[in-house]
């Protein structure tokens, strides 16, 4: 059977494309080298608890059309992301807001907090920040930097803050209200029953083949369809001929605990450098269920190496130059490159969906 489209990758980008192309009457085949659909938003049921296998995913957007789009497929709850930071056993609210400032300094009014913040950010005395440490101090001062930014950031990137570029945190959210909602987007939530259910709805009626390594049999698989949409790493598509793009990776240690509630919150960050993980996720709080057990995951950032899962592109000058060279190579391919890995770009979920919808709408053959 000859397909109109072969889509490489059953993650969010590929699944949206598959849904929309199928709705237009196209014959679509989706393949993925993993043994499950959903990519990094895949959730797995653990006796009623939806476990985010590849890290926490919270849907948030100001785009009403995208919010309506996902809600037409599955029901979302009203989860609000309100993480906590644990520093030497003390808890602080995130993002930085009046609760945080009270916990740090005892300030109770916005003016008191602003005065304290102004006093804290004077340290650089007008000097232009040369690195992440100086940038952070210029934005929020020494106290917040030392307790809530420094250790966490150094674990995340595997480097001292003095060795990281300032652009990583060009700005930091500071709110002079008692509001612990991490995102400022109008719409926010998590699918009831997990993200896998959302992907299943997108791929309903679409032929799917799992455990298929596209790059290992590229020539053969590309013969199956008139058109190809590729969502994997762009450098691997070209057999890394120009060199490897760099990423940061993550390792997850998941535990099932025989207690109904471990930390009372979905996300708690551990901001000390000598604690090796960056945060603990307690999955049942994303999509609350009444169970006698709970599932937690510790997240350990790691240096990426070939064979590891690429999570965060390192968009520095060196890597962006290499990516642009690979992007030039795509112009000679009869392939559509899209999604986080193919575009070497960190996407929020709503951005992935919008990009996939735009891609389908731009295809001239439809």
Protein backbone atom coordinates (compact mmCIF):
# COMPACT_ATOMS: atom_id res chain seq x y z
CA UNK A 1 0.00 0.00 0.00
CA UNK A 2 1.33 3.42 -0.92
CA UNK A 3 0.68 6.13 1.67
CA UNK A 4 0.26 9.83 1.05
CA UNK A 5 2.31 10.63 4.15
CA UNK A 6 4.86 8.83 6.28
CA UNK A 7 5.20 10.59 9.63
CA UNK A 8 8.33 9.76 11.58
CA UNK A 9 7.56 10.21 15.26
CA UNK A 10 4.37 9.63 17.26
CA UNK A 11 4.93 12.57 19.57
CA UNK A 12 2.78 15.68 19.74
CA UNK A 13 3.95 17.27 16.47
CA UNK A 14 3.62 14.08 14.45
CA UNK A 15 0.28 13.16 16.01
CA UNK A 16 -1.29 16.54 15.24
CA UNK A 17 -0.07 16.27 11.65
CA UNK A 18 -1.46 12.73 11.39
CA UNK A 19 -4.85 13.80 12.73
CA UNK A 20 -5.20 16.77 10.41
CA UNK A 21 -3.96 14.98 7.31
CA UNK A 22 -6.25 12.02 7.93
CA UNK A 23 -9.17 14.43 8.31
CA UNK A 24 -8.30 15.75 4.86
CA UNK A 25 -8.62 12.26 3.42
CA UNK A 26 -4.91 11.47 3.26
CA UNK A 27 -3.54 7.97 3.83
CA UNK A 28 -1.11 8.30 6.71
CA UNK A 29 1.40 5.94 8.31
CA UNK A 30 3.00 6.92 11.63
CA UNK A 31 6.13 5.17 12.86
CA UNK A 32 8.12 5.57 16.07
CA UNK A 33 11.25 3.88 17.35
CA UNK A 34 9.85 3.72 20.88
CA UNK A 35 7.44 1.01 21.95
CA UNK A 36 4.72 3.55 22.75
CA UNK A 37 3.06 6.61 21.26
CA UNK A 38 3.19 10.11 22.75
CA UNK A 39 6.88 10.94 22.67
CA UNK A 40 7.99 12.78 25.77
CA UNK A 41 4.44 13.58 26.90
CA UNK A 42 3.65 9.87 27.26
CA UNK A 43 1.89 9.02 30.54
CA UNK A 44 1.63 5.52 31.98
CA UNK A 45 -1.08 4.30 34.34
CA UNK A 46 0.16 3.01 37.70
CA UNK A 47 -2.91 1.67 39.46
CA UNK A 48 -4.83 4.87 38.80
CA UNK A 49 -1.94 7.35 38.93
CA UNK A 50 -0.91 8.85 35.59
CA UNK A 51 2.89 8.83 35.63
CA UNK A 52 4.68 11.40 33.44
CA UNK A 53 7.42 9.07 32.20
CA UNK A 54 9.63 11.79 30.71
CA UNK A 55 9.18 14.60 33.21
CA UNK A 56 6.32 16.85 34.22
CA UNK A 57 4.18 18.34 31.46
CA UNK A 58 1.66 21.07 32.22
CA UNK A 59 -0.38 22.47 29.37
CA UNK A 60 -0.60 26.27 29.42
CA UNK A 61 -1.42 28.79 26.71
CA UNK A 62 -3.02 32.13 25.92
CA UNK A 63 -4.13 30.79 22.54
CA UNK A 64 -7.85 30.07 22.91
CA UNK A 65 -7.99 28.24 19.58
CA UNK A 66 -5.31 25.78 20.74
CA UNK A 67 -7.00 25.39 24.14
CA UNK A 68 -10.31 24.65 22.43
CA UNK A 69 -8.53 22.25 20.07
CA UNK A 70 -7.13 20.01 22.80
CA UNK A 71 -10.30 20.23 24.88
CA UNK A 72 -12.32 19.02 21.90
CA UNK A 73 -10.35 15.77 22.15
CA UNK A 74 -10.11 15.17 25.90
CA UNK A 75 -11.23 16.84 29.10
CA UNK A 76 -8.63 18.92 30.95
CA UNK A 77 -8.64 19.57 34.68
CA UNK A 78 -7.89 22.95 36.28
CA UNK A 79 -4.42 22.08 37.57
CA UNK A 80 -2.42 25.17 38.56
CA UNK A 81 1.34 24.83 38.67
CA UNK A 82 2.54 26.15 42.04
CA UNK A 83 5.97 24.64 42.66
CA UNK A 84 7.91 24.93 45.89
CA UNK A 85 11.65 25.35 46.38
CA UNK A 86 13.42 23.48 49.17
CA UNK A 87 16.67 25.11 50.33
CA UNK A 88 18.33 23.58 53.37
CA UNK A 89 14.96 22.31 54.57
CA UNK A 90 13.15 25.65 54.26
CA UNK A 91 10.34 25.97 51.71
CA UNK A 92 9.82 28.94 49.40
CA UNK A 93 7.01 29.63 46.94
CA UNK A 94 7.69 29.95 43.22
CA UNK A 95 7.65 31.98 41.06
CA UNK A 96 9.21 34.86 43.03
CA UNK A 97 6.26 36.67 44.58
CA UNK A 98 5.11 38.28 47.81
CA UNK A 99 4.99 34.90 49.55
CA UNK A 100 8.62 34.28 48.58
CA UNK A 101 9.70 37.72 49.76
CA UNK A 102 7.93 37.25 53.09
CA UNK A 103 9.63 33.88 53.54
CA UNK A 104 13.03 35.41 52.73
CA UNK A 105 12.87 38.86 54.32
CA UNK A 106 9.65 39.14 56.32
CA UNK A 107 8.34 41.91 54.04
CA UNK A 108 4.56 42.17 54.04
CA UNK A 109 3.67 44.92 51.57
CA UNK A 110 4.67 45.37 47.92
CA UNK A 111 6.52 48.59 48.75
CA UNK A 112 8.55 46.89 51.48
CA UNK A 113 9.44 44.11 49.03
CA UNK A 114 10.36 46.57 46.26
CA UNK A 115 12.60 48.53 48.61
CA UNK A 116 14.36 45.33 49.68
CA UNK A 117 14.70 44.18 46.08
CA UNK A 118 16.17 47.54 45.04
CA UNK A 119 18.69 47.33 47.87
CA UNK A 120 19.63 43.79 46.80
CA UNK A 121 20.10 44.53 43.09
CA UNK A 122 22.50 47.45 43.66
CA UNK A 123 25.42 45.06 44.16
CA UNK A 124 26.75 45.33 40.61
CA UNK A 125 26.71 49.13 40.83
CA UNK A 126 25.66 49.58 37.20
CA UNK A 127 28.12 47.06 35.76
CA UNK A 128 26.86 45.23 32.67
CA UNK A 129 26.48 41.52 33.57
CA UNK A 130 29.14 39.28 32.03
CA UNK A 131 27.70 35.93 33.12
CA UNK A 132 24.60 34.28 34.53
CA UNK A 133 25.52 34.97 38.14
CA UNK A 134 25.86 38.69 37.56
CA UNK A 135 22.71 38.75 35.46
CA UNK A 136 20.68 37.04 38.18
CA UNK A 137 21.98 39.33 40.91
CA UNK A 138 21.21 42.38 38.78
CA UNK A 139 17.61 41.17 38.41
CA UNK A 140 16.70 39.75 41.84
CA UNK A 141 19.64 40.29 44.18
CA UNK A 142 22.03 38.13 46.14
CA UNK A 143 19.57 36.37 48.50
CA UNK A 144 17.29 34.94 45.83
CA UNK A 145 20.25 34.09 43.63
CA UNK A 146 22.13 32.18 46.34
CA UNK A 147 19.13 30.27 47.72
CA UNK A 148 16.82 29.71 44.76
CA UNK A 149 18.80 30.08 41.52
CA UNK A 150 22.50 29.24 41.87
CA UNK A 151 22.50 25.55 42.86
CA UNK A 152 19.50 24.60 40.75
CA UNK A 153 20.90 26.28 37.64
CA UNK A 154 24.36 24.76 38.09
CA UNK A 155 22.82 21.30 38.37
CA UNK A 156 20.61 21.93 35.35
CA UNK A 157 23.49 22.99 33.11
CA UNK A 158 26.37 21.11 34.72
CA UNK A 159 28.45 24.30 34.95
CA UNK A 160 29.22 27.06 37.42
CA UNK A 161 26.94 30.07 37.02
CA UNK A 162 30.00 32.25 36.44
CA UNK A 163 30.74 30.12 33.37
CA UNK A 164 27.24 30.35 31.92
CA UNK A 165 26.19 33.16 29.55
CA UNK A 166 23.95 35.87 30.92
CA UNK A 167 21.35 35.46 28.14
CA UNK A 168 20.08 32.21 29.70
CA UNK A 169 18.12 34.33 32.16
CA UNK A 170 17.62 37.63 30.41
CA UNK A 171 14.66 38.17 32.69
CA UNK A 172 13.21 36.53 35.78
CA UNK A 173 9.54 36.75 36.75
CA UNK A 174 9.02 38.91 39.85
CA UNK A 175 5.49 39.49 41.13
CA UNK A 176 4.49 41.88 43.85
CA UNK A 177 1.32 39.93 44.57
CA UNK A 178 0.59 36.86 46.68
CA UNK A 179 0.14 34.66 43.63
CA UNK A 180 1.83 31.24 43.41
CA UNK A 181 0.58 30.41 39.91
CA UNK A 182 3.81 29.73 38.02
CA UNK A 183 2.35 30.49 34.60
CA UNK A 184 0.62 33.70 33.67
CA UNK A 185 -1.24 32.11 30.75
CA UNK A 186 -5.03 32.34 30.70
CA UNK A 187 -5.57 28.61 30.12
CA UNK A 188 -3.86 25.86 32.09
CA UNK A 189 -4.47 22.25 32.99
CA UNK A 190 -3.61 18.58 32.56
CA UNK A 191 -5.66 15.99 30.63
CA UNK A 192 -7.85 13.92 32.94
CA UNK A 193 -6.59 10.38 32.48
CA UNK A 194 -3.19 11.46 31.15
CA UNK A 195 -1.57 12.78 27.98
CA UNK A 196 -1.51 9.37 26.33
CA UNK A 197 -5.28 9.61 26.06
CA UNK A 198 -4.88 12.88 24.14
CA UNK A 199 -2.44 11.30 21.68
CA UNK A 200 -4.68 8.25 21.27
CA UNK A 201 -7.52 10.56 20.22
CA UNK A 202 -5.26 12.30 17.71
CA UNK A 203 -4.14 9.00 16.21
CA UNK A 204 -7.57 7.36 16.11
CA UNK A 205 -7.98 5.67 12.74
CA UNK A 206 -4.31 6.18 11.80
CA UNK A 207 -2.03 3.23 11.06
CA UNK A 208 0.82 3.12 13.59
CA UNK A 209 3.95 1.00 13.65
CA UNK A 210 6.07 1.11 16.79
CA UNK A 211 9.60 -0.06 17.52
CA UNK A 212 10.65 1.03 14.03
CA UNK A 213 14.02 2.77 13.59
CA UNK A 214 13.48 5.04 10.61
CA UNK A 215 17.13 5.97 10.20
CA UNK A 216 18.22 2.34 10.13
CA UNK A 217 16.00 1.65 7.11
CA UNK A 218 15.41 5.12 5.71
CA UNK A 219 15.50 4.28 2.00
CA UNK A 220 13.05 1.41 2.34
CA UNK A 221 10.59 3.31 4.54
CA UNK A 222 10.62 6.47 2.41
CA UNK A 223 9.47 4.35 -0.54
CA UNK A 224 6.22 3.67 1.31
CA UNK A 225 4.87 7.21 0.93
CA UNK A 226 4.75 10.13 -1.46
CA UNK A 227 5.63 12.58 1.32
CA UNK A 228 7.59 12.38 4.58
CA UNK A 229 7.29 14.41 7.77
CA UNK A 230 10.32 13.88 9.99
CA UNK A 231 10.34 14.85 13.69
CA UNK A 232 13.60 13.25 14.82
CA UNK A 233 17.02 14.87 15.38
CA UNK A 234 18.00 16.85 12.29
CA UNK A 235 21.69 15.97 12.55
CA UNK A 236 20.96 12.24 12.76
CA UNK A 237 18.86 12.42 9.61
CA UNK A 238 22.02 13.51 7.80
CA UNK A 239 24.13 10.88 9.58
CA UNK A 240 25.85 13.63 11.61
CA UNK A 241 27.94 14.52 8.58
CA UNK A 242 28.61 18.06 9.81
CA UNK A 243 28.98 17.14 13.47
CA UNK A 244 26.71 16.50 16.45
CA UNK A 245 24.34 19.06 17.91
CA UNK A 246 24.54 19.25 21.69
CA UNK A 247 21.83 18.81 24.31
CA UNK A 248 21.32 18.51 28.02
CA UNK A 249 19.72 15.27 29.09
CA UNK A 250 17.79 13.97 32.09
CA UNK A 251 17.73 10.78 34.10
CA UNK A 252 14.65 9.79 36.07
CA UNK A 253 14.46 7.67 39.22
CA UNK A 254 10.87 6.70 39.90
CA UNK A 255 9.67 5.11 43.14
CA UNK A 256 6.34 3.67 44.22
CA UNK A 257 5.68 4.49 47.88
CA UNK A 258 3.10 2.78 50.06
CA UNK A 259 1.67 6.01 51.42
CA UNK A 260 -1.08 8.20 50.05
CA UNK A 261 0.85 11.50 49.97
CA UNK A 262 4.60 12.10 49.96
CA UNK A 263 5.17 15.86 49.58
CA UNK A 264 1.72 17.44 49.25
CA UNK A 265 2.59 19.17 45.97
CA UNK A 266 3.16 18.17 42.37
CA UNK A 267 6.64 19.74 42.11
CA UNK A 268 9.27 20.54 44.72
CA UNK A 269 12.60 21.94 43.51
CA UNK A 270 15.77 21.20 45.47
CA UNK A 271 18.00 24.20 44.96
CA UNK A 272 21.16 23.15 46.84
CA UNK A 273 24.07 22.18 44.58
CA UNK A 274 25.08 19.17 46.69
CA UNK A 275 21.67 17.50 46.31
CA UNK A 276 22.14 15.75 42.94
CA UNK A 277 18.56 15.93 41.66
CA UNK A 278 16.84 19.17 40.72
CA UNK A 279 13.30 18.30 41.73
CA UNK A 280 10.89 15.65 42.92
CA UNK A 281 7.62 15.19 41.07
CA UNK A 282 4.67 13.53 42.78
CA UNK A 283 2.52 12.44 39.88
CA UNK A 284 -0.86 12.01 41.54
CA UNK A 285 -1.11 15.76 42.21
CA UNK A 286 -1.20 16.60 38.48
CA UNK A 287 -4.37 14.57 37.94
CA UNK A 288 -5.60 13.96 41.51
CA UNK A 289 -6.79 10.47 42.39
CA UNK A 290 -7.60 8.75 45.69
CA UNK A 291 -5.09 5.92 46.07
CA UNK A 292 -3.31 4.33 49.01
CA UNK A 293 0.01 4.57 47.22
CA UNK A 294 1.90 7.36 45.46
CA UNK A 295 4.54 7.59 42.72
CA UNK A 296 7.43 10.05 42.85
CA UNK A 297 10.22 10.80 40.40
CA UNK A 298 13.57 12.42 41.07
CA UNK A 299 15.04 14.31 38.09
CA UNK A 300 18.79 14.27 37.53
CA UNK A 301 20.19 16.56 34.81
CA UNK A 302 23.09 15.02 32.93
CA UNK A 303 25.59 15.70 30.20
CA UNK A 304 24.18 14.39 26.95
CA UNK A 305 26.08 11.75 25.02
CA UNK A 306 25.23 9.70 21.95
CA UNK A 307 22.51 7.23 22.87
CA UNK A 308 20.98 9.42 25.58
CA UNK A 309 17.59 11.05 25.15
CA UNK A 310 18.08 14.66 23.98
CA UNK A 311 15.91 17.00 26.06
CA UNK A 312 17.17 20.56 26.02
CA UNK A 313 18.99 21.96 22.97
CA UNK A 314 22.03 24.05 23.84
CA UNK A 315 21.26 27.05 21.67
CA UNK A 316 24.62 28.76 21.95
CA UNK A 317 26.40 30.34 18.99
CA UNK A 318 28.38 27.21 18.10
CA UNK A 319 25.35 24.91 18.02
CA UNK A 320 23.09 27.40 16.27
CA UNK A 321 25.67 27.83 13.51
CA UNK A 322 25.77 24.05 13.07
CA UNK A 323 21.99 23.83 13.08
CA UNK A 324 21.72 26.48 10.36
CA UNK A 325 24.12 24.43 8.23
CA UNK A 326 21.92 21.36 8.67
CA UNK A 327 18.85 23.42 7.88
CA UNK A 328 20.46 24.38 4.59
CA UNK A 329 20.83 20.68 3.78
CA UNK A 330 17.09 20.14 4.28
CA UNK A 331 16.35 22.31 1.26
CA UNK A 332 17.56 19.55 -1.04
CA UNK A 333 15.38 16.93 0.67
CA UNK A 334 11.77 16.16 -0.22
CA UNK A 335 11.00 15.99 3.48
CA UNK A 336 9.19 18.25 5.96
CA UNK A 337 11.24 18.75 9.14
CA UNK A 338 9.21 19.74 12.20
CA UNK A 339 9.11 19.59 15.98
CA UNK A 340 11.53 20.03 18.83
CA UNK A 341 14.35 17.81 17.56
CA UNK A 342 14.06 18.52 13.85
CA UNK A 343 14.02 22.28 14.51
CA UNK A 344 16.55 22.15 17.37
CA UNK A 345 14.26 24.31 19.44
CA UNK A 346 12.62 24.07 22.84
CA UNK A 347 8.86 24.17 22.36
CA UNK A 348 6.04 24.39 24.86
CA UNK A 349 3.18 22.03 23.99
CA UNK A 350 0.84 24.69 22.67
CA UNK A 351 3.62 25.95 20.40
CA UNK A 352 4.20 22.44 19.05
CA UNK A 353 0.51 22.12 18.19
CA UNK A 354 0.37 25.53 16.52
CA UNK A 355 3.51 24.73 14.53
CA UNK A 356 2.08 21.37 13.40
CA UNK A 357 -1.21 22.97 12.34
CA UNK A 358 0.67 25.64 10.39
CA UNK A 359 2.80 22.94 8.76
CA UNK A 360 -0.23 20.98 7.57
CA UNK A 361 -1.89 24.12 6.27
CA UNK A 362 1.23 25.07 4.31
CA UNK A 363 1.62 21.77 2.50
CA UNK A 364 0.98 22.53 -1.15
CA UNK A 365 -0.14 19.02 -2.01
CA UNK A 366 -3.26 19.20 0.15
